[in-house]
C-alpha atoms as a PDB file:
ATOM      1  CA  MET A   1      21.413 -21.093  21.520  1.00  0.00           C
ATOM      2  CA  ILE A   2      23.206 -21.710  18.225  1.00  0.00           C
ATOM      3  CA  ALA A   3      23.675 -25.319  17.134  1.00  0.00           C
ATOM      4  CA  PRO A   4      24.561 -27.049  13.837  1.00  0.00           C
ATOM      5  CA  ARG A   5      21.741 -28.186  11.621  1.00  0.00           C
ATOM      6  CA  PRO A   6      21.536 -31.931  11.099  1.00  0.00           C
ATOM      7  CA  SER A   7      21.602 -31.699   7.296  1.00  0.00           C
ATOM      8  CA  ASP A   8      24.636 -30.973   5.136  1.00  0.00           C
ATOM      9  CA  PRO A   9      24.977 -28.460   2.287  1.00  0.00           C
ATOM     10  CA  ALA A  10      24.328 -29.626  -1.252  1.00  0.00           C
ATOM     11  CA  PRO A  11      27.531 -30.800  -3.044  1.00  0.00           C
ATOM     12  CA  GLN A  12      27.887 -27.663  -5.199  1.00  0.00           C
ATOM     13  CA  ALA A  13      27.157 -25.396  -2.272  1.00  0.00           C
ATOM     14  CA  SER A  14      29.632 -27.322  -0.108  1.00  0.00           C
ATOM     15  CA  ALA A  15      32.336 -26.938  -2.752  1.00  0.00           C
ATOM     16  CA  ALA A  16      31.665 -23.199  -2.963  1.00  0.00           C
ATOM     17  CA  ILE A  17      31.928 -22.877   0.823  1.00  0.00           C
ATOM     18  CA  CYS A  18      35.219 -24.782   1.009  1.00  0.00           C
ATOM     19  CA  ALA A  19      36.753 -22.816  -1.870  1.00  0.00           C
ATOM     20  CA  TRP A  20      35.721 -19.415  -0.560  1.00  0.00           C
ATOM     21  CA  ARG A  21      38.754 -17.411   0.555  1.00  0.00           C
ATOM     22  CA  PRO A  22      37.975 -13.680   0.703  1.00  0.00           C
ATOM     23  CA  CYS A  23      40.803 -11.177   0.616  1.00  0.00           C
ATOM     24  CA  SER A  24      38.755  -8.287   2.027  1.00  0.00           C
ATOM     25  CA  VAL A  25      38.411  -9.765   5.552  1.00  0.00           C
ATOM     26  CA  SER A  26      40.705 -11.551   7.945  1.00  0.00           C
ATOM     27  CA  GLU A  27      41.234 -15.313   7.911  1.00  0.00           C
ATOM     28  CA  ALA A  28      39.350 -15.583  11.211  1.00  0.00           C
ATOM     29  CA  ALA A  29      36.344 -13.743   9.765  1.00  0.00           C
ATOM     30  CA  GLY A  30      36.450 -15.970   6.675  1.00  0.00           C
ATOM     31  CA  ALA A  31      36.591 -19.086   8.837  1.00  0.00           C
ATOM     32  CA  PHE A  32      33.612 -17.909  10.861  1.00  0.00           C
ATOM     33  CA  ALA A  33      31.623 -17.306   7.673  1.00  0.00           C
ATOM     34  CA  ARG A  34      32.466 -20.752   6.262  1.00  0.00           C
ATOM     35  CA  GLN A  35      31.482 -22.419   9.539  1.00  0.00           C
ATOM     36  CA  VAL A  36      28.077 -20.796  10.003  1.00  0.00           C
ATOM     37  CA  VAL A  37      27.108 -21.062   6.337  1.00  0.00           C
ATOM     38  CA  ALA A  38      28.055 -24.760   6.270  1.00  0.00           C
ATOM     39  CA  GLU A  39      25.851 -25.299   9.317  1.00  0.00           C
ATOM     40  CA  ALA A  40      22.971 -23.497   7.594  1.00  0.00           C
ATOM     41  CA  ALA A  41      23.228 -26.035   4.710  1.00  0.00           C
ATOM     42  CA  PRO A  42      22.269 -23.895   1.678  1.00  0.00           C
ATOM     43  CA  GLU A  43      21.078 -25.821  -1.363  1.00  0.00           C
ATOM     44  CA  ARG A  44      22.715 -23.735  -4.112  1.00  0.00           C
ATOM     45  CA  ALA A  45      26.207 -22.409  -4.647  1.00  0.00           C
ATOM     46  CA  ALA A  46      24.951 -18.888  -5.416  1.00  0.00           C
ATOM     47  CA  ARG A  47      22.958 -18.855  -2.193  1.00  0.00           C
ATOM     48  CA  ALA A  48      26.003 -20.086  -0.273  1.00  0.00           C
ATOM     49  CA  ARG A  49      28.178 -17.283  -1.666  1.00  0.00           C
ATOM     50  CA  ALA A  50      25.570 -14.647  -0.733  1.00  0.00           C
ATOM     51  CA  LEU A  51      25.433 -15.979   2.831  1.00  0.00           C
ATOM     52  CA  LEU A  52      29.235 -16.139   3.018  1.00  0.00           C
ATOM     53  CA  PHE A  53      29.520 -12.498   2.006  1.00  0.00           C
ATOM     54  CA  ALA A  54      27.004 -11.395   4.620  1.00  0.00           C
ATOM     55  CA  ALA A  55      28.552 -13.515   7.404  1.00  0.00           C
ATOM     56  CA  SER A  56      32.094 -12.362   6.629  1.00  0.00           C
ATOM     57  CA  ARG A  57      31.092  -8.686   6.712  1.00  0.00           C
ATOM     58  CA  LEU A  58      29.355  -9.275  10.023  1.00  0.00           C
ATOM     59  CA  ALA A  59      32.472 -11.015  11.394  1.00  0.00           C
ATOM     60  CA  ALA A  60      34.693  -8.131  10.251  1.00  0.00           C
ATOM     61  CA  PHE A  61      32.383  -5.731  12.074  1.00  0.00           C
ATOM     62  CA  GLY A  62      32.527  -7.930  15.171  1.00  0.00           C
ATOM     63  CA  GLU A  63      36.321  -7.846  15.123  1.00  0.00           C
ATOM     64  CA  SER A  64      36.320  -4.049  14.822  1.00  0.00           C
ATOM     65  CA  VAL A  65      34.185  -3.635  17.964  1.00  0.00           C
ATOM     66  CA  GLY A  66      35.814  -6.410  19.995  1.00  0.00           C
ATOM     67  CA  LEU A  67      33.111  -9.089  19.843  1.00  0.00           C
ATOM     68  CA  GLU A  68      33.856 -12.804  19.909  1.00  0.00           C
ATOM     69  CA  LEU A  69      33.538 -14.547  16.554  1.00  0.00           C
ATOM     70  CA  GLU A  70      30.849 -16.888  17.788  1.00  0.00           C
ATOM     71  CA  GLY A  71      27.455 -17.513  16.289  1.00  0.00           C
ATOM     72  CA  GLU A  72      25.656 -16.967  19.580  1.00  0.00           C
ATOM     73  CA  VAL A  73      27.197 -13.492  19.779  1.00  0.00           C
ATOM     74  CA  LEU A  74      27.330 -12.177  16.218  1.00  0.00           C
ATOM     75  CA  LEU A  75      24.014 -13.588  15.029  1.00  0.00           C
ATOM     76  CA  HIS A  76      22.068 -12.046  17.889  1.00  0.00           C
ATOM     77  CA  PRO A  77      19.341  -9.725  16.473  1.00  0.00           C
ATOM     78  CA  ALA A  78      20.720  -6.708  18.333  1.00  0.00           C
ATOM     79  CA  VAL A  79      24.210  -7.228  16.883  1.00  0.00           C
ATOM     80  CA  ILE A  80      22.822  -7.657  13.377  1.00  0.00           C
ATOM     81  CA  GLU A  81      20.887  -4.391  13.684  1.00  0.00           C
ATOM     82  CA  ARG A  82      23.905  -2.538  15.031  1.00  0.00           C
ATOM     83  CA  PHE A  83      26.009  -3.890  12.167  1.00  0.00           C
ATOM     84  CA  ILE A  84      23.477  -2.788   9.547  1.00  0.00           C
ATOM     85  CA  VAL A  85      22.988   0.681  11.064  1.00  0.00           C
ATOM     86  CA  GLU A  86      26.580   1.528  12.007  1.00  0.00           C
ATOM     87  CA  GLY A  87      28.880  -0.824  10.151  1.00  0.00           C
ATOM     88  CA  GLU A  88      27.564  -0.621   6.572  1.00  0.00           C
ATOM     89  CA  ARG A  89      26.720   3.035   6.059  1.00  0.00           C
ATOM     90  CA  THR A  90      28.663   3.188   2.794  1.00  0.00           C
ATOM     91  CA  LEU A  91      26.463   0.562   1.113  1.00  0.00           C
ATOM     92  CA  SER A  92      23.258   1.272  -0.761  1.00  0.00           C
ATOM     93  CA  PRO A  93      19.933   0.793   1.055  1.00  0.00           C
ATOM     94  CA  ALA A  94      19.100  -2.201  -1.143  1.00  0.00           C
ATOM     95  CA  THR A  95      22.410  -3.930  -0.285  1.00  0.00           C
ATOM     96  CA  ARG A  96      21.908  -3.286   3.415  1.00  0.00           C
ATOM     97  CA  ARG A  97      18.426  -4.785   3.277  1.00  0.00           C
ATOM     98  CA  THR A  98      19.814  -7.862   1.535  1.00  0.00           C
ATOM     99  CA  LEU A  99      22.573  -8.232   4.114  1.00  0.00           C
ATOM    100  CA  ARG A 100      20.099  -8.027   6.982  1.00  0.00           C
ATOM    101  CA  THR A 101      17.775 -10.560   5.342  1.00  0.00           C
ATOM    102  CA  ASN A 102      20.610 -13.043   4.826  1.00  0.00           C
ATOM    103  CA  LEU A 103      21.940 -12.633   8.360  1.00  0.00           C
ATOM    104  CA  ARG A 104      18.494 -13.118   9.848  1.00  0.00           C
ATOM    105  CA  TYR A 105      18.170 -16.260   7.760  1.00  0.00           C
ATOM    106  CA  LEU A 106      21.460 -17.567   9.161  1.00  0.00           C
ATOM    107  CA  ALA A 107      20.348 -16.789  12.709  1.00  0.00           C
ATOM    108  CA  ARG A 108      17.097 -18.702  12.206  1.00  0.00           C
ATOM    109  CA  ALA A 109      18.770 -21.613  10.434  1.00  0.00           C
ATOM    110  CA  LEU A 110      21.298 -22.145  13.230  1.00  0.00           C
ATOM    111  CA  GLN A 111      18.845 -22.020  16.115  1.00  0.00           C
ATOM    112  CA  ALA A 112      18.460 -25.329  17.943  1.00  0.00           C
ATOM    113  CA  HIS A 113      14.871 -24.402  18.845  1.00  0.00           C
ATOM    114  CA  PRO A 114      13.667 -21.794  16.341  1.00  0.00           C
ATOM    115  CA  GLN A 115      10.931 -19.400  17.312  1.00  0.00           C
ATOM    116  CA  PRO A 116       7.639 -20.108  15.496  1.00  0.00           C
ATOM    117  CA  ALA A 117       7.195 -18.096  12.338  1.00  0.00           C
ATOM    118  CA  PRO A 118       4.561 -15.343  12.535  1.00  0.00           C
ATOM    119  CA  THR A 119       1.166 -16.318  11.208  1.00  0.00           C
ATOM    120  CA  PRO A 120       0.677 -14.736   7.776  1.00  0.00           C
ATOM    121  CA  LEU A 121      -2.209 -12.291   7.745  1.00  0.00           C
ATOM    122  CA  PRO A 122      -4.318 -11.629   4.671  1.00  0.00           C
ATOM    123  CA  ARG A 123      -3.380  -8.470   2.802  1.00  0.00           C
ATOM    124  CA  GLU A 124      -6.190  -6.026   2.256  1.00  0.00           C
ATOM    125  CA  ARG A 125      -6.983  -5.752  -1.429  1.00  0.00           C
ATOM    126  CA  ALA A 126      -8.756  -3.014  -3.315  1.00  0.00           C
ATOM    127  CA  LYS A 127     -12.458  -3.673  -3.548  1.00  0.00           C
ATOM    128  CA  GLU A 128     -13.977  -4.553  -6.890  1.00  0.00           C
ATOM    129  CA  PRO A 129     -15.339  -1.481  -8.695  1.00  0.00           C
ATOM    130  CA  TYR A 130     -18.920  -1.388  -9.879  1.00  0.00           C
ATOM    131  CA  SER A 131     -19.633  -1.616 -13.589  1.00  0.00           C
ATOM    132  CA  GLU A 132     -21.101   1.304 -15.529  1.00  0.00           C
ATOM    133  CA  ALA A 133     -24.403  -0.562 -15.756  1.00  0.00           C
ATOM    134  CA  GLU A 134     -24.514  -1.047 -11.979  1.00  0.00           C
ATOM    135  CA  ILE A 135     -23.795   2.638 -11.328  1.00  0.00           C
ATOM    136  CA  ALA A 136     -26.540   3.603 -13.800  1.00  0.00           C
ATOM    137  CA  ALA A 137     -28.915   1.212 -12.005  1.00  0.00           C
ATOM    138  CA  TYR A 138     -28.098   2.780  -8.623  1.00  0.00           C
ATOM    139  CA  LEU A 139     -28.791   6.257  -9.998  1.00  0.00           C
ATOM    140  CA  THR A 140     -32.079   4.997 -11.425  1.00  0.00           C
ATOM    141  CA  CYS A 141     -32.913   3.440  -8.059  1.00  0.00           C
ATOM    142  CA  ALA A 142     -32.215   6.773  -6.365  1.00  0.00           C
ATOM    143  CA  GLN A 143     -34.519   8.595  -8.782  1.00  0.00           C
ATOM    144  CA  ALA A 144     -37.295   6.095  -8.045  1.00  0.00           C
ATOM    145  CA  GLN A 145     -37.526   7.032  -4.349  1.00  0.00           C
ATOM    146  CA  SER A 146     -40.859   8.193  -2.974  1.00  0.00           C
ATOM    147  CA  THR A 147     -39.859  11.746  -1.945  1.00  0.00           C
ATOM    148  CA  LEU A 148     -37.719  14.490  -3.448  1.00  0.00           C
ATOM    149  CA  ALA A 149     -35.412  14.482  -0.415  1.00  0.00           C
ATOM    150  CA  ARG A 150     -34.750  10.769  -0.744  1.00  0.00           C
ATOM    151  CA  ARG A 151     -34.091  11.156  -4.467  1.00  0.00           C
ATOM    152  CA  MET A 152     -31.589  13.927  -3.849  1.00  0.00           C
ATOM    153  CA  HIS A 153     -29.836  12.129  -0.980  1.00  0.00           C
ATOM    154  CA  GLY A 154     -29.555   8.861  -2.895  1.00  0.00           C
ATOM    155  CA  GLY A 155     -28.197  10.526  -6.023  1.00  0.00           C
ATOM    156  CA  ALA A 156     -25.690  12.530  -3.974  1.00  0.00           C
ATOM    157  CA  LEU A 157     -24.394   9.371  -2.317  1.00  0.00           C
ATOM    158  CA  ILE A 158     -23.677   7.686  -5.648  1.00  0.00           C
ATOM    159  CA  CYS A 159     -22.165  10.844  -7.164  1.00  0.00           C
ATOM    160  CA  LEU A 160     -19.889  11.573  -4.204  1.00  0.00           C
ATOM    161  CA  GLY A 161     -18.690   7.958  -3.981  1.00  0.00           C
ATOM    162  CA  ALA A 162     -18.316   6.899  -7.622  1.00  0.00           C
ATOM    163  CA  GLY A 163     -17.829  10.435  -8.975  1.00  0.00           C
ATOM    164  CA  ALA A 164     -15.407  11.900  -6.401  1.00  0.00           C
ATOM    165  CA  GLY A 165     -14.087   8.930  -4.407  1.00  0.00           C
ATOM    166  CA  LEU A 166     -15.356  10.107  -1.026  1.00  0.00           C
ATOM    167  CA  THR A 167     -16.004   7.613   1.748  1.00  0.00           C
ATOM    168  CA  GLY A 168     -16.640   7.396   5.490  1.00  0.00           C
ATOM    169  CA  SER A 169     -16.869  10.648   7.419  1.00  0.00           C
ATOM    170  CA  GLU A 170     -16.057  12.650   4.287  1.00  0.00           C
ATOM    171  CA  LEU A 171     -19.454  11.709   2.897  1.00  0.00           C
ATOM    172  CA  ARG A 172     -21.339  12.726   6.025  1.00  0.00           C
ATOM    173  CA  HIS A 173     -19.701  16.164   6.274  1.00  0.00           C
ATOM    174  CA  VAL A 174     -20.182  17.372   2.668  1.00  0.00           C
ATOM    175  CA  ARG A 175     -22.705  20.201   2.406  1.00  0.00           C
ATOM    176  CA  GLY A 176     -24.447  21.513  -0.663  1.00  0.00           C
ATOM    177  CA  SER A 177     -22.308  24.649  -0.572  1.00  0.00           C
ATOM    178  CA  ASP A 178     -19.168  22.492  -0.829  1.00  0.00           C
ATOM    179  CA  VAL A 179     -20.053  21.507  -4.409  1.00  0.00           C
ATOM    180  CA  ILE A 180     -18.828  24.280  -6.700  1.00  0.00           C
ATOM    181  CA  GLU A 181     -18.633  24.860 -10.438  1.00  0.00           C
ATOM    182  CA  ARG A 182     -15.165  26.213 -11.164  1.00  0.00           C
ATOM    183  CA  SER A 183     -11.922  25.582 -13.097  1.00  0.00           C
ATOM    184  CA  GLY A 184     -13.953  24.299 -16.042  1.00  0.00           C
ATOM    185  CA  GLY A 185     -15.734  21.559 -14.114  1.00  0.00           C
ATOM    186  CA  VAL A 186     -17.295  20.673 -10.767  1.00  0.00           C
ATOM    187  CA  VAL A 187     -15.252  20.228  -7.585  1.00  0.00           C
ATOM    188  CA  VAL A 188     -16.128  19.039  -4.089  1.00  0.00           C
ATOM    189  CA  LEU A 189     -14.414  20.848  -1.220  1.00  0.00           C
ATOM    190  CA  VAL A 190     -13.529  18.162   1.327  1.00  0.00           C
ATOM    191  CA  THR A 191     -12.859  19.351   4.870  1.00  0.00           C
ATOM    192  CA  GLY A 192     -11.200  17.605   7.795  1.00  0.00           C
ATOM    193  CA  ARG A 193      -7.827  15.917   8.175  1.00  0.00           C
ATOM    194  CA  ARG A 194      -7.345  15.417   4.425  1.00  0.00           C
ATOM    195  CA  ALA A 195      -8.834  18.673   3.215  1.00  0.00           C
ATOM    196  CA  ARG A 196      -8.705  19.008  -0.568  1.00  0.00           C
ATOM    197  CA  ALA A 197     -10.648  19.933  -3.690  1.00  0.00           C
ATOM    198  CA  VAL A 198     -11.738  16.840  -5.642  1.00  0.00           C
ATOM    199  CA  PRO A 199     -12.770  17.085  -9.314  1.00  0.00           C
ATOM    200  CA  VAL A 200     -16.002  15.231 -10.016  1.00  0.00           C
ATOM    201  CA  LEU A 201     -16.119  12.899 -13.008  1.00  0.00           C
ATOM    202  CA  GLY A 202     -18.034  14.491 -15.860  1.00  0.00           C
ATOM    203  CA  ARG A 203     -21.041  12.150 -16.013  1.00  0.00           C
ATOM    204  CA  PHE A 204     -21.915  12.915 -12.375  1.00  0.00           C
ATOM    205  CA  HIS A 205     -21.943  16.718 -12.700  1.00  0.00           C
ATOM    206  CA  GLU A 206     -25.643  17.270 -13.343  1.00  0.00           C
ATOM    207  CA  PRO A 207     -27.146  14.973 -10.667  1.00  0.00           C
ATOM    208  CA  LEU A 208     -24.649  16.168  -8.054  1.00  0.00           C
ATOM    209  CA  LEU A 209     -25.309  19.844  -8.802  1.00  0.00           C
ATOM    210  CA  ASN A 210     -29.052  19.210  -8.542  1.00  0.00           C
ATOM    211  CA  ALA A 211     -28.567  17.568  -5.150  1.00  0.00           C
ATOM    212  CA  ALA A 212     -26.286  20.398  -4.007  1.00  0.00           C
ATOM    213  CA  HIS A 213     -28.831  23.071  -4.970  1.00  0.00           C
ATOM    214  CA  PHE A 214     -31.498  21.156  -3.066  1.00  0.00           C
ATOM    215  CA  ALA A 215     -29.315  20.791   0.061  1.00  0.00           C
ATOM    216  CA  GLY A 216     -28.061  24.399   0.123  1.00  0.00           C
ATOM    217  CA  GLU A 217     -26.113  24.856   3.345  1.00  0.00           C
ATOM    218  CA  GLY A 218     -27.335  21.521   4.692  1.00  0.00           C
ATOM    219  CA  CYS A 219     -25.622  18.151   4.484  1.00  0.00           C
ATOM    220  CA  LEU A 220     -25.866  16.541   1.053  1.00  0.00           C
ATOM    221  CA  LEU A 221     -26.764  13.170   2.535  1.00  0.00           C
ATOM    222  CA  GLY A 222     -29.369  14.611   4.891  1.00  0.00           C
ATOM    223  CA  GLY A 223     -29.537  15.059   8.621  1.00  0.00           C
ATOM    224  CA  GLU A 224     -28.624  18.075  10.711  1.00  0.00           C
ATOM    225  CA  ASN A 225     -25.676  16.533  12.582  1.00  0.00           C
ATOM    226  CA  PRO A 226     -22.925  15.025  10.385  1.00  0.00           C
ATOM    227  CA  LEU A 227     -21.488  13.269  13.446  1.00  0.00           C
ATOM    228  CA  ARG A 228     -24.440  10.888  13.411  1.00  0.00           C
ATOM    229  CA  LYS A 229     -23.194   7.681  11.830  1.00  0.00           C
ATOM    230  CA  ASN A 230     -26.439   6.924  10.004  1.00  0.00           C
ATOM    231  CA  LEU A 231     -24.932   6.231   6.579  1.00  0.00           C
ATOM    232  CA  THR A 232     -25.404   2.456   6.811  1.00  0.00           C
ATOM    233  CA  CYS A 233     -29.080   2.854   7.683  1.00  0.00           C
ATOM    234  CA  GLN A 234     -29.532   5.324   4.838  1.00  0.00           C
ATOM    235  CA  ILE A 235     -28.017   2.899   2.336  1.00  0.00           C
ATOM    236  CA  ALA A 236     -30.247   0.090   3.594  1.00  0.00           C
ATOM    237  CA  VAL A 237     -33.362   2.249   3.195  1.00  0.00           C
ATOM    238  CA  LEU A 238     -32.590   3.820  -0.187  1.00  0.00           C
ATOM    239  CA  PHE A 239     -30.948   0.904  -1.985  1.00  0.00           C
ATOM    240  CA  CYS A 240     -32.851  -2.232  -1.016  1.00  0.00           C
ATOM    241  CA  ASP A 241     -33.443  -3.558  -4.558  1.00  0.00           C
ATOM    242  CA  ARG A 242     -32.497  -7.232  -4.447  1.00  0.00           C
ATOM    243  CA  ALA A 243     -31.733  -7.192  -8.167  1.00  0.00           C
ATOM    244  CA  LEU A 244     -28.690  -5.018  -7.445  1.00  0.00           C
ATOM    245  CA  PRO A 245     -25.506  -5.914  -5.542  1.00  0.00           C
ATOM    246  CA  ARG A 246     -25.314  -4.612  -1.992  1.00  0.00           C
ATOM    247  CA  LEU A 247     -24.213  -0.982  -2.086  1.00  0.00           C
ATOM    248  CA  ASP A 248     -20.812  -0.489  -0.464  1.00  0.00           C
ATOM    249  CA  THR A 249     -19.083   2.896  -0.179  1.00  0.00           C
ATOM    250  CA  GLY A 250     -15.688   1.196  -0.450  1.00  0.00           C
ATOM    251  CA  ARG A 251     -16.672  -0.212  -3.832  1.00  0.00           C
ATOM    252  CA  LEU A 252     -17.947   3.210  -4.888  1.00  0.00           C
ATOM    253  CA  ARG A 253     -14.518   4.660  -4.081  1.00  0.00           C
ATOM    254  CA  SER A 254     -12.831   1.829  -6.010  1.00  0.00           C
ATOM    255  CA  THR A 255     -15.050   2.702  -8.956  1.00  0.00           C
ATOM    256  CA  TRP A 256     -13.787   6.290  -8.864  1.00  0.00           C
ATOM    257  CA  LEU A 257     -10.168   5.173  -8.401  1.00  0.00           C
ATOM    258  CA  SER A 258     -10.430   2.817 -11.371  1.00  0.00           C
ATOM    259  CA  GLU A 259     -11.914   5.494 -13.614  1.00  0.00           C
ATOM    260  CA  ALA A 260      -9.386   8.133 -12.497  1.00  0.00           C
ATOM    261  CA  ALA A 261      -6.513   5.698 -13.132  1.00  0.00           C
ATOM    262  CA  ARG A 262      -7.844   5.100 -16.648  1.00  0.00           C
ATOM    263  CA  LEU A 263      -8.142   8.807 -17.377  1.00  0.00           C
ATOM    264  CA  ILE A 264      -4.551   9.611 -16.341  1.00  0.00           C
ATOM    265  CA  GLY A 265      -3.125   6.551 -18.111  1.00  0.00           C
ATOM    266  CA  LEU A 266      -1.869   4.862 -14.944  1.00  0.00           C
ATOM    267  CA  GLY A 267      -2.237   1.380 -16.430  1.00  0.00           C
ATOM    268  CA  ALA A 268      -0.077   2.291 -19.447  1.00  0.00           C
ATOM    269  CA  PHE A 269       2.559   3.869 -17.187  1.00  0.00           C
ATOM    270  CA  MET A 270       2.793   0.828 -14.884  1.00  0.00           C
ATOM    271  CA  ALA A 271       2.919  -1.572 -17.834  1.00  0.00           C
ATOM    272  CA  ALA A 272       5.690   0.425 -19.544  1.00  0.00           C
ATOM    273  CA  ALA A 273       7.674   0.759 -16.306  1.00  0.00           C
ATOM    274  CA  GLY A 274       7.217  -2.898 -15.396  1.00  0.00           C
ATOM    275  CA  VAL A 275       5.684  -1.879 -12.057  1.00  0.00           C
ATOM    276  CA  ARG A 276       3.211  -4.259 -10.423  1.00  0.00           C
ATOM    277  CA  CYS A 277       3.024  -2.738  -6.954  1.00  0.00           C
ATOM    278  CA  SER A 278       2.323   0.865  -5.993  1.00  0.00           C
ATOM    279  CA  GLN A 279       4.780   0.878  -3.076  1.00  0.00           C
ATOM    280  CA  ARG A 280       7.070   3.483  -4.653  1.00  0.00           C
ATOM    281  CA  LEU A 281       4.478   5.552  -6.495  1.00  0.00           C
ATOM    282  CA  GLY A 282       4.085   7.823  -3.458  1.00  0.00           C
ATOM    283  CA  ASP A 283       7.828   8.509  -3.421  1.00  0.00           C
ATOM    284  CA  ILE A 284       7.725   9.311  -7.144  1.00  0.00           C
ATOM    285  CA  ALA A 285       4.661  11.552  -6.814  1.00  0.00           C
ATOM    286  CA  ALA A 286       6.303  13.485  -3.958  1.00  0.00           C
ATOM    287  CA  GLN A 287       9.055  14.622  -6.357  1.00  0.00           C
ATOM    288  CA  LEU A 288       6.669  15.867  -9.048  1.00  0.00           C
ATOM    289  CA  PRO A 289       5.480  19.487  -9.369  1.00  0.00           C
ATOM    290  CA  VAL A 290       2.273  20.316  -7.516  1.00  0.00           C
ATOM    291  CA  VAL A 291      -0.759  19.899  -9.784  1.00  0.00           C
ATOM    292  CA  ASP A 292      -3.170  22.829  -9.556  1.00  0.00           C
ATOM    293  CA  GLU A 293      -6.938  22.507  -9.560  1.00  0.00           C
ATOM    294  CA  GLN A 294      -7.392  23.417 -13.219  1.00  0.00           C
ATOM    295  CA  GLN A 295      -5.005  20.655 -14.292  1.00  0.00           C
ATOM    296  CA  MET A 296      -6.792  18.130 -12.082  1.00  0.00           C
ATOM    297  CA  VAL A 297     -10.166  19.122 -13.481  1.00  0.00           C
ATOM    298  CA  ARG A 298      -8.895  18.815 -17.063  1.00  0.00           C
ATOM    299  CA  LEU A 299      -7.656  15.301 -16.309  1.00  0.00           C
ATOM    300  CA  LEU A 300     -10.510  14.002 -14.183  1.00  0.00           C
ATOM    301  CA  GLY A 301     -13.695  15.960 -14.658  1.00  0.00           C
ATOM    302  CA  GLU A 302     -13.746  18.669 -17.300  1.00  0.00           C
ATOM    303  CA  THR A 303     -17.200  19.787 -18.371  1.00  0.00           C
ATOM    304  CA  ALA A 304     -17.907  18.618 -21.920  1.00  0.00           C
END
């Protein structure tokens, strides 16, 4: 049910609403827009004009398809979606998104009993990377294990996480034969759904190659069956030094991501472009030429 709000528009917004007489839509569509925007009581004149534009375009669409110029009809979510999809195909995607946002605002503002707003959920953030000193301490801790196998498995875990960004099942499935010296560096051949060749950061080459030679055709992190989810237990056994932060494979991956971003100059690019969010970086990367393995190794893990 659509009903007027009890408050009135601010004086400047009210003046803008009263003076608004568009020539691109009919008088009936303009009257509808003035009515619903006045009921929504915007606080600024610029906001009022944006809402008037959106409401008038919606009313013009309603007239073209034979709908009544009533708030209960035109501001229904299904009508708004149909208008955005079918009625405004000539507008840019950004303009269509703005129109839909403004119309949804009008629909909410004019509801007598608005639906409760969805509870905001926390956004997952990238985990904090480890410092160079912490990574060096983990490698030292791995080398202090009581048996050669434990030393090799512990070093491989740190090298695969902080040196190649592997996590989860990718870690469990890597075998010694998947670590190869080629293209001027060391690469890890990752199998599975996201199969790829990952260059290893230079400072992890030697310990990872040692672990790979020890493992041979076996799993780098030990065990005969990579489907066994024993990684948590292995971390607890190998890295129990209370002087160190708790080892987390997500933080190891963040360490690799941070170092890789530094090597390719991602921070400088985002600062120069004024980009704070990576939402569109995937779209940009999809249009770039495919980077071959040798180029990736030169950027991320060339042997000194």
